[in-house]
């Protein structure tokens, strides 16, 4: 399944560790889209990728804090 078809409903059923993986996968997809786009779109996709990675980092911190 292409990552862009991932739904919020599917997100609800992921474990925290799987959410981290999904965030990184979404970040990678955004980076790939950034490489193919014009400058304005490239910056937006790069920012989106960074946001996905930040979310993954926050989830990882919560996981570590709860263990």
N, C-alpha and C. Protein backbone atom coordinates (compact mmCIF):
# COMPACT_ATOMS: atom_id res chain seq x y z
N UNK A 1 0.85 -1.18 0.00
CA UNK A 1 0.00 0.00 0.00
C UNK A 1 0.89 1.24 0.00
N UNK A 2 0.65 2.16 -0.93
CA UNK A 2 1.42 3.41 -0.89
C UNK A 2 1.17 4.14 0.44
N UNK A 3 2.18 4.75 0.96
CA UNK A 3 2.04 5.43 2.25
C UNK A 3 0.99 6.51 2.20
N UNK A 4 0.83 7.16 1.07
CA UNK A 4 -0.14 8.25 0.98
C UNK A 4 -1.57 7.75 1.15
N UNK A 5 -1.78 6.42 1.09
CA UNK A 5 -3.10 5.86 1.29
C UNK A 5 -3.33 5.45 2.74
N UNK A 6 -2.37 5.66 3.60
CA UNK A 6 -2.49 5.35 5.02
C UNK A 6 -3.54 6.27 5.64
N UNK A 7 -4.42 5.72 6.46
CA UNK A 7 -5.52 6.53 7.01
C UNK A 7 -5.37 6.76 8.51
N UNK A 8 -6.08 7.76 8.98
CA UNK A 8 -6.09 8.06 10.41
C UNK A 8 -6.69 6.90 11.20
N UNK A 9 -7.65 6.22 10.62
CA UNK A 9 -8.24 5.07 11.30
C UNK A 9 -7.20 3.97 11.50
N UNK A 10 -6.35 3.75 10.52
CA UNK A 10 -5.28 2.76 10.66
C UNK A 10 -4.30 3.19 11.75
N UNK A 11 -4.02 4.48 11.84
CA UNK A 11 -3.12 5.03 12.86
C UNK A 11 -3.61 4.65 14.26
N UNK A 12 -4.91 4.73 14.48
CA UNK A 12 -5.47 4.44 15.80
C UNK A 12 -5.17 3.03 16.26
N UNK A 13 -4.94 2.12 15.34
CA UNK A 13 -4.73 0.73 15.69
C UNK A 13 -3.26 0.34 15.78
N UNK A 14 -2.37 1.28 15.57
CA UNK A 14 -0.93 0.99 15.64
C UNK A 14 -0.44 1.10 17.08
N UNK A 15 0.54 0.26 17.41
CA UNK A 15 1.22 0.41 18.69
C UNK A 15 2.10 1.65 18.62
N UNK A 16 2.51 2.19 19.74
CA UNK A 16 3.41 3.35 19.70
C UNK A 16 4.67 3.10 18.86
N UNK A 17 5.26 1.91 18.99
CA UNK A 17 6.47 1.61 18.21
C UNK A 17 6.17 1.61 16.72
N UNK A 18 5.03 1.08 16.32
CA UNK A 18 4.65 1.08 14.92
C UNK A 18 4.34 2.49 14.44
N UNK A 19 3.84 3.33 15.32
CA UNK A 19 3.60 4.73 14.95
C UNK A 19 4.91 5.44 14.64
N UNK A 20 5.94 5.14 15.41
CA UNK A 20 7.26 5.72 15.14
C UNK A 20 7.72 5.29 13.75
N UNK A 21 7.59 4.01 13.45
CA UNK A 21 7.98 3.52 12.13
C UNK A 21 7.18 4.20 11.02
N UNK A 22 5.89 4.35 11.24
CA UNK A 22 5.05 4.97 10.23
C UNK A 22 5.44 6.43 10.02
N UNK A 23 5.74 7.13 11.10
CA UNK A 23 6.18 8.53 10.97
C UNK A 23 7.43 8.62 10.10
N UNK A 24 8.38 7.75 10.36
CA UNK A 24 9.61 7.78 9.57
C UNK A 24 9.34 7.42 8.10
N UNK A 25 8.43 6.50 7.87
CA UNK A 25 8.07 6.15 6.49
C UNK A 25 7.40 7.34 5.79
N UNK A 26 6.54 8.04 6.50
CA UNK A 26 5.87 9.21 5.91
C UNK A 26 6.90 10.32 5.65
N UNK A 27 7.86 10.47 6.55
CA UNK A 27 8.91 11.46 6.34
C UNK A 27 9.71 11.13 5.09
N UNK A 28 10.02 9.86 4.91
CA UNK A 28 10.78 9.45 3.73
C UNK A 28 9.98 9.70 2.45
N UNK A 29 8.70 9.43 2.49
CA UNK A 29 7.87 9.70 1.30
C UNK A 29 7.87 11.20 0.99
N UNK A 30 7.77 12.02 2.01
CA UNK A 30 7.79 13.47 1.80
C UNK A 30 9.13 13.92 1.21
N UNK A 31 10.23 13.33 1.67
CA UNK A 31 11.54 13.67 1.11
C UNK A 31 11.63 13.29 -0.36
N UNK A 32 11.07 12.13 -0.70
CA UNK A 32 11.07 11.71 -2.10
C UNK A 32 10.26 12.68 -2.96
N UNK A 33 9.13 13.12 -2.45
CA UNK A 33 8.32 14.08 -3.18
C UNK A 33 9.04 15.42 -3.31
N UNK A 34 9.81 15.78 -2.29
CA UNK A 34 10.55 17.04 -2.33
C UNK A 34 11.57 17.04 -3.45
N UNK A 35 12.20 15.90 -3.68
CA UNK A 35 13.23 15.81 -4.72
C UNK A 35 12.66 16.03 -6.11
N UNK A 36 11.40 15.71 -6.29
CA UNK A 36 10.79 15.78 -7.62
C UNK A 36 10.04 17.08 -7.88
N UNK A 37 9.90 17.91 -6.86
CA UNK A 37 9.05 19.08 -7.01
C UNK A 37 9.78 20.38 -7.26
N UNK A 38 9.03 21.40 -7.67
CA UNK A 38 9.61 22.74 -7.82
C UNK A 38 10.01 23.29 -6.44
N UNK A 39 10.80 24.36 -6.45
CA UNK A 39 11.36 24.89 -5.19
C UNK A 39 10.31 25.10 -4.10
N UNK A 40 9.21 25.75 -4.43
CA UNK A 40 8.20 26.05 -3.40
C UNK A 40 7.64 24.76 -2.81
N UNK A 41 7.36 23.78 -3.63
CA UNK A 41 6.85 22.51 -3.15
C UNK A 41 7.93 21.74 -2.40
N UNK A 42 9.15 21.84 -2.87
CA UNK A 42 10.27 21.15 -2.23
C UNK A 42 10.39 21.58 -0.78
N UNK A 43 10.34 22.88 -0.56
CA UNK A 43 10.45 23.39 0.82
C UNK A 43 9.29 22.88 1.69
N UNK A 44 8.10 22.86 1.13
CA UNK A 44 6.94 22.40 1.90
C UNK A 44 7.08 20.92 2.25
N UNK A 45 7.51 20.10 1.29
CA UNK A 45 7.68 18.67 1.56
C UNK A 45 8.83 18.43 2.54
N UNK A 46 9.88 19.20 2.44
CA UNK A 46 10.99 19.05 3.39
C UNK A 46 10.54 19.40 4.80
N UNK A 47 9.73 20.43 4.92
CA UNK A 47 9.20 20.81 6.23
C UNK A 47 8.27 19.73 6.76
N UNK A 48 7.45 19.16 5.89
CA UNK A 48 6.56 18.08 6.29
C UNK A 48 7.37 16.88 6.77
N UNK A 49 8.43 16.53 6.06
CA UNK A 49 9.28 15.41 6.47
C UNK A 49 9.87 15.67 7.85
N UNK A 50 10.32 16.88 8.06
CA UNK A 50 10.90 17.24 9.36
C UNK A 50 9.84 17.11 10.47
N UNK A 51 8.62 17.50 10.19
CA UNK A 51 7.55 17.40 11.17
C UNK A 51 7.24 15.94 11.50
N UNK A 52 7.21 15.07 10.49
CA UNK A 52 6.99 13.65 10.73
C UNK A 52 8.10 13.08 11.60
N UNK A 53 9.35 13.46 11.34
CA UNK A 53 10.47 12.98 12.15
C UNK A 53 10.38 13.50 13.58
N UNK A 54 9.95 14.72 13.75
CA UNK A 54 9.79 15.28 15.09
C UNK A 54 8.70 14.54 15.86
N UNK A 55 7.61 14.21 15.19
CA UNK A 55 6.55 13.45 15.84
C UNK A 55 7.08 12.09 16.26
N UNK A 56 7.84 11.44 15.40
CA UNK A 56 8.44 10.15 15.75
C UNK A 56 9.33 10.29 16.99
N UNK A 57 10.12 11.34 17.04
CA UNK A 57 11.00 11.57 18.19
C UNK A 57 10.19 11.74 19.47
N UNK A 58 9.10 12.48 19.39
CA UNK A 58 8.26 12.70 20.57
C UNK A 58 7.62 11.40 21.05
N UNK A 59 7.14 10.61 20.12
CA UNK A 59 6.55 9.32 20.49
C UNK A 59 7.60 8.42 21.14
N UNK A 60 8.81 8.41 20.58
CA UNK A 60 9.90 7.61 21.16
C UNK A 60 10.22 8.06 22.58
N UNK A 61 10.22 9.35 22.83
CA UNK A 61 10.47 9.85 24.19
C UNK A 61 9.41 9.36 25.16
N UNK A 62 8.17 9.36 24.71
CA UNK A 62 7.08 8.89 25.57
C UNK A 62 7.22 7.39 25.85
N UNK A 63 7.59 6.65 24.82
CA UNK A 63 7.80 5.21 25.00
C UNK A 63 8.89 4.96 26.04
N UNK A 64 9.99 5.66 25.92
CA UNK A 64 11.12 5.48 26.85
C UNK A 64 10.73 5.91 28.27
N UNK A 65 9.95 6.98 28.38
CA UNK A 65 9.54 7.47 29.69
C UNK A 65 8.59 6.49 30.39
N UNK A 66 7.86 5.71 29.63
CA UNK A 66 6.89 4.78 30.19
C UNK A 66 7.48 3.39 30.44
N UNK A 67 8.74 3.19 30.09
CA UNK A 67 9.37 1.87 30.31
C UNK A 67 10.24 1.88 31.53
